[in-house]
């Protein structure tokens, strides 16, 4: 069975676009969380340790576990 080269090329392009677009969401989410943490530290420098700890815990909870554990 010989597949159509046009369909094969379109499939590769579609897969690349899907992976690229799927990576935008987590990047925006993590950037927003980091930005809010920096704003919080700027407002209350004394709470830097607690804010940083919560940011690290958030990132570890959602970005370092396999999907089956979420």
N, C-alpha and C. Protein backbone atom coordinates (compact mmCIF):
# COMPACT_ATOMS: atom_id res chain seq x y z
N UNK A 1 0.84 -1.17 0.00
CA UNK A 1 0.00 0.00 0.00
C UNK A 1 0.89 1.24 0.00
N UNK A 2 0.74 2.08 -0.98
CA UNK A 2 1.56 3.27 -1.14
C UNK A 2 0.71 4.51 -0.82
N UNK A 3 0.98 5.21 0.31
CA UNK A 3 0.15 6.35 0.68
C UNK A 3 0.41 7.55 -0.24
N UNK A 4 -0.58 8.39 -0.32
CA UNK A 4 -0.48 9.60 -1.12
C UNK A 4 0.53 10.54 -0.47
N UNK A 5 1.54 11.03 -1.21
CA UNK A 5 2.56 11.90 -0.60
C UNK A 5 1.99 13.23 -0.09
N UNK A 6 0.94 13.72 -0.72
CA UNK A 6 0.34 14.97 -0.27
C UNK A 6 -0.31 14.79 1.11
N UNK A 7 -0.97 13.67 1.30
CA UNK A 7 -1.59 13.39 2.60
C UNK A 7 -0.52 13.18 3.66
N UNK A 8 0.56 12.51 3.31
CA UNK A 8 1.65 12.31 4.26
C UNK A 8 2.27 13.64 4.68
N UNK A 9 2.51 14.52 3.72
CA UNK A 9 3.09 15.83 4.03
C UNK A 9 2.15 16.66 4.88
N UNK A 10 0.87 16.64 4.55
CA UNK A 10 -0.11 17.39 5.33
C UNK A 10 -0.21 16.85 6.76
N UNK A 11 -0.08 15.55 6.92
CA UNK A 11 -0.13 14.95 8.26
C UNK A 11 1.05 15.40 9.11
N UNK A 12 2.23 15.45 8.51
CA UNK A 12 3.42 15.89 9.23
C UNK A 12 3.29 17.35 9.64
N UNK A 13 2.81 18.18 8.74
CA UNK A 13 2.64 19.60 9.04
C UNK A 13 1.58 19.79 10.13
N UNK A 14 0.49 19.06 10.04
CA UNK A 14 -0.58 19.16 11.04
C UNK A 14 -0.08 18.71 12.41
N UNK A 15 0.71 17.66 12.45
CA UNK A 15 1.24 17.18 13.73
C UNK A 15 2.18 18.23 14.34
N UNK A 16 3.01 18.84 13.53
CA UNK A 16 3.90 19.88 14.03
C UNK A 16 3.14 21.08 14.56
N UNK A 17 2.11 21.50 13.86
CA UNK A 17 1.30 22.62 14.33
C UNK A 17 0.57 22.26 15.63
N UNK A 18 0.08 21.05 15.73
CA UNK A 18 -0.64 20.64 16.94
C UNK A 18 0.29 20.65 18.15
N UNK A 19 1.49 20.14 18.00
CA UNK A 19 2.44 20.14 19.12
C UNK A 19 2.83 21.56 19.48
N UNK A 20 3.07 22.39 18.48
CA UNK A 20 3.44 23.78 18.75
C UNK A 20 2.34 24.55 19.45
N UNK A 21 1.12 24.40 18.99
CA UNK A 21 0.01 25.12 19.61
C UNK A 21 -0.30 24.58 21.00
N UNK A 22 -0.12 23.28 21.21
CA UNK A 22 -0.38 22.70 22.52
C UNK A 22 0.63 23.16 23.56
N UNK A 23 1.80 23.56 23.13
CA UNK A 23 2.82 24.00 24.10
C UNK A 23 2.63 25.45 24.51
N UNK A 24 1.77 26.19 23.85
CA UNK A 24 1.56 27.60 24.19
C UNK A 24 0.85 27.74 25.54
N UNK A 25 -0.16 26.93 25.78
CA UNK A 25 -0.95 27.04 27.01
C UNK A 25 -0.13 26.90 28.28
N UNK A 26 0.62 25.81 28.44
CA UNK A 26 1.43 25.68 29.65
C UNK A 26 2.48 26.77 29.78
N UNK A 27 3.02 27.21 28.67
CA UNK A 27 4.02 28.29 28.73
C UNK A 27 3.42 29.58 29.24
N UNK A 28 2.23 29.90 28.76
CA UNK A 28 1.55 31.12 29.22
C UNK A 28 1.18 30.99 30.69
N UNK A 29 0.70 29.83 31.09
CA UNK A 29 0.32 29.62 32.48
C UNK A 29 1.49 29.74 33.44
N UNK A 30 2.60 29.13 33.08
CA UNK A 30 3.77 29.20 33.94
C UNK A 30 4.34 30.62 33.97
N UNK A 31 4.31 31.30 32.84
CA UNK A 31 4.78 32.68 32.81
C UNK A 31 3.92 33.61 33.64
N UNK A 32 2.61 33.40 33.60
CA UNK A 32 1.70 34.21 34.42
C UNK A 32 1.95 33.98 35.90
N UNK A 33 2.12 32.72 36.29
CA UNK A 33 2.37 32.41 37.69
C UNK A 33 3.68 33.04 38.16
N UNK A 34 4.71 32.95 37.35
CA UNK A 34 6.00 33.55 37.72
C UNK A 34 5.89 35.07 37.80
N UNK A 35 5.16 35.67 36.87
CA UNK A 35 4.98 37.12 36.90
C UNK A 35 4.24 37.58 38.14
N UNK A 36 3.21 36.85 38.52
CA UNK A 36 2.47 37.21 39.73
C UNK A 36 3.34 37.04 40.97
N UNK A 37 4.19 36.03 40.98
CA UNK A 37 5.10 35.83 42.11
C UNK A 37 6.08 36.98 42.22
N UNK A 38 6.61 37.43 41.10
CA UNK A 38 7.55 38.56 41.12
C UNK A 38 6.84 39.83 41.60
N UNK A 39 5.61 40.03 41.17
CA UNK A 39 4.85 41.19 41.65
C UNK A 39 4.62 41.12 43.15
N UNK A 40 4.30 39.92 43.64
CA UNK A 40 4.10 39.76 45.08
C UNK A 40 5.36 40.02 45.88
N UNK A 41 6.50 39.56 45.36
CA UNK A 41 7.77 39.81 46.04
C UNK A 41 8.10 41.30 46.01
N UNK A 42 7.78 41.97 44.92
CA UNK A 42 8.04 43.41 44.83
C UNK A 42 7.19 44.19 45.83
N UNK A 43 5.96 43.72 46.05
CA UNK A 43 5.08 44.41 47.00
C UNK A 43 5.47 44.14 48.44
N UNK A 44 5.85 42.89 48.73
CA UNK A 44 6.19 42.51 50.10
C UNK A 44 7.50 41.72 50.09
N UNK A 45 8.61 42.40 50.13
CA UNK A 45 9.90 41.71 50.09
C UNK A 45 10.11 40.75 51.26
N UNK A 46 9.46 41.00 52.37
CA UNK A 46 9.61 40.12 53.53
C UNK A 46 9.00 38.75 53.32
N UNK A 47 8.08 38.64 52.40
CA UNK A 47 7.41 37.36 52.14
C UNK A 47 8.04 36.61 50.98
N UNK A 48 9.25 36.99 50.61
CA UNK A 48 9.89 36.38 49.45
C UNK A 48 10.03 34.87 49.60
N UNK A 49 10.45 34.42 50.77
CA UNK A 49 10.65 32.98 50.97
C UNK A 49 9.38 32.18 50.78
N UNK A 50 8.28 32.66 51.35
CA UNK A 50 7.00 31.95 51.24
C UNK A 50 6.49 31.96 49.80
N UNK A 51 6.60 33.10 49.15
CA UNK A 51 6.11 33.20 47.77
C UNK A 51 6.93 32.31 46.86
N UNK A 52 8.24 32.34 47.01
CA UNK A 52 9.10 31.51 46.17
C UNK A 52 8.82 30.02 46.41
N UNK A 53 8.63 29.65 47.67
CA UNK A 53 8.34 28.25 47.99
C UNK A 53 7.04 27.79 47.34
N UNK A 54 6.01 28.64 47.40
CA UNK A 54 4.74 28.27 46.78
C UNK A 54 4.86 28.17 45.26
N UNK A 55 5.64 29.05 44.66
CA UNK A 55 5.83 28.99 43.21
C UNK A 55 6.55 27.70 42.82
N UNK A 56 7.56 27.32 43.57
CA UNK A 56 8.29 26.09 43.28
C UNK A 56 7.38 24.88 43.46
N UNK A 57 6.58 24.89 44.52
CA UNK A 57 5.64 23.77 44.73
C UNK A 57 4.62 23.68 43.60
N UNK A 58 4.12 24.82 43.16
CA UNK A 58 3.16 24.85 42.05
C UNK A 58 3.78 24.26 40.80
N UNK A 59 4.98 24.70 40.47
CA UNK A 59 5.64 24.20 39.26
C UNK A 59 5.93 22.71 39.37
N UNK A 60 6.35 22.25 40.53
CA UNK A 60 6.63 20.82 40.69
C UNK A 60 5.36 19.99 40.61
N UNK A 61 4.28 20.52 41.15
CA UNK A 61 3.03 19.76 41.17
C UNK A 61 2.46 19.56 39.77
N UNK A 62 2.50 20.59 38.96
CA UNK A 62 1.82 20.52 37.67
C UNK A 62 2.73 20.24 36.49
N UNK A 63 4.02 20.45 36.61
CA UNK A 63 4.86 20.34 35.43
C UNK A 63 5.88 19.22 35.49
N UNK A 64 6.03 18.54 36.62
CA UNK A 64 7.05 17.51 36.71
C UNK A 64 6.50 16.11 36.94
N UNK A 65 5.19 15.94 36.95
CA UNK A 65 4.61 14.62 37.18
C UNK A 65 4.12 14.04 35.86
N UNK A 66 4.17 12.73 35.76
CA UNK A 66 3.54 12.11 34.59
C UNK A 66 2.04 12.36 34.61
N UNK A 67 1.43 12.34 33.45
CA UNK A 67 0.01 12.66 33.35
C UNK A 67 -0.87 11.73 34.17
N UNK A 68 -0.48 10.47 34.31
CA UNK A 68 -1.34 9.53 35.03
C UNK A 68 -1.41 9.84 36.52
N UNK A 69 -0.47 10.61 37.07
CA UNK A 69 -0.48 10.93 38.49
C UNK A 69 -1.26 12.20 38.80
N UNK A 70 -1.67 12.96 37.81
CA UNK A 70 -2.38 14.21 38.08
C UNK A 70 -3.80 13.96 38.53
